[in-house]
Amino acid sequence: MLPTCYVPGEELRSRRELLRHRLNLVKIRTEVKNRIQALLDKHGLRMPGTTPFSKGNVAWLRERSLGFMDDAILRSDLALLETVDVQVGLIEEKIAALAAEDRRVRLLMTMTGVGYFTAMLVVSEVGDVSRFRSDKVFASWMGLAPSVHQSGERTRIGGVSGPGNRRLKWAMVECAHAAVRHDARLGALYERQSRRRGEGRAVVAVAHEMARIVYFMLVRDEPYRGENRGLTERKLKNMSKRALDGLRN
């Protein structure tokens, strides 16, 4: 009569640790970049071009002279950024080596916007998808279910509610940003929602729809029905290349 909790196996827990380590490294990298941006703002400077922290911009940063103390901070953060970038790349190669062997990862990669890292993250965090009784429960567990506010006969749909799985919530929102640019169906959903609710909520609505689709893909063991085969092949080719590097290093 007591509800049971899901306990993943040892291998699955190890995979989760590797994926979460990569997320932590990316968080550190973002913090370093934000510190550098704040330092530039302090001196009224802005990196040229539209791609911050490109190779050209990093070279540009190394040529700046911000004074004795701020120069020391900038050089230190640039060295830290270079180190973290290398470590992120090495961990991603190891993740690719594991992902290349998982059929469910290849299945999820048929969805527009989903790469091998996100697919591996979903598979590792979800574990046994049969423990979710519906797509709505699955989306709610991800933290992507909209809140419902009722007062008498009035019902209002609000933003997403509950903490959910913050890692998957972040990952699906990131995928949604990419999907709306390359998937006609999801792009149309984004346009409809953005006109009614604004761009931020529109992206979350797309992420919610993608989470529901992921559930059915895993349960039915079928690829994404709106698959762009050429895009999928490029993603698989990139994963295979990085997987080989991960096995060699």
Foldseek 3Di string as FASTA:
>chain_A
DDDDDDDDDPVLVVLLVLLVVLVVLVVVLVVLVVVVVVLCVVVVHDFDDDDPPDPVSLVVLLPDDDDDPSNVSSVVSSVVNVVSVVVSLLSLLLLLLVLLVDPQLLQALLAQLDFSSLSSNCCSVCPDLVVQPALQSQLLLQQLHWDWDDDVPDIDTHGGDDDHNVVNLVSLLNSLVRRLVPFVVLVVQLVVCCVPPNNVRSSSVSSSVSSSVSSCCVVVVHHDPRGDVVSSVVSSVVSVVSNVVNVVD
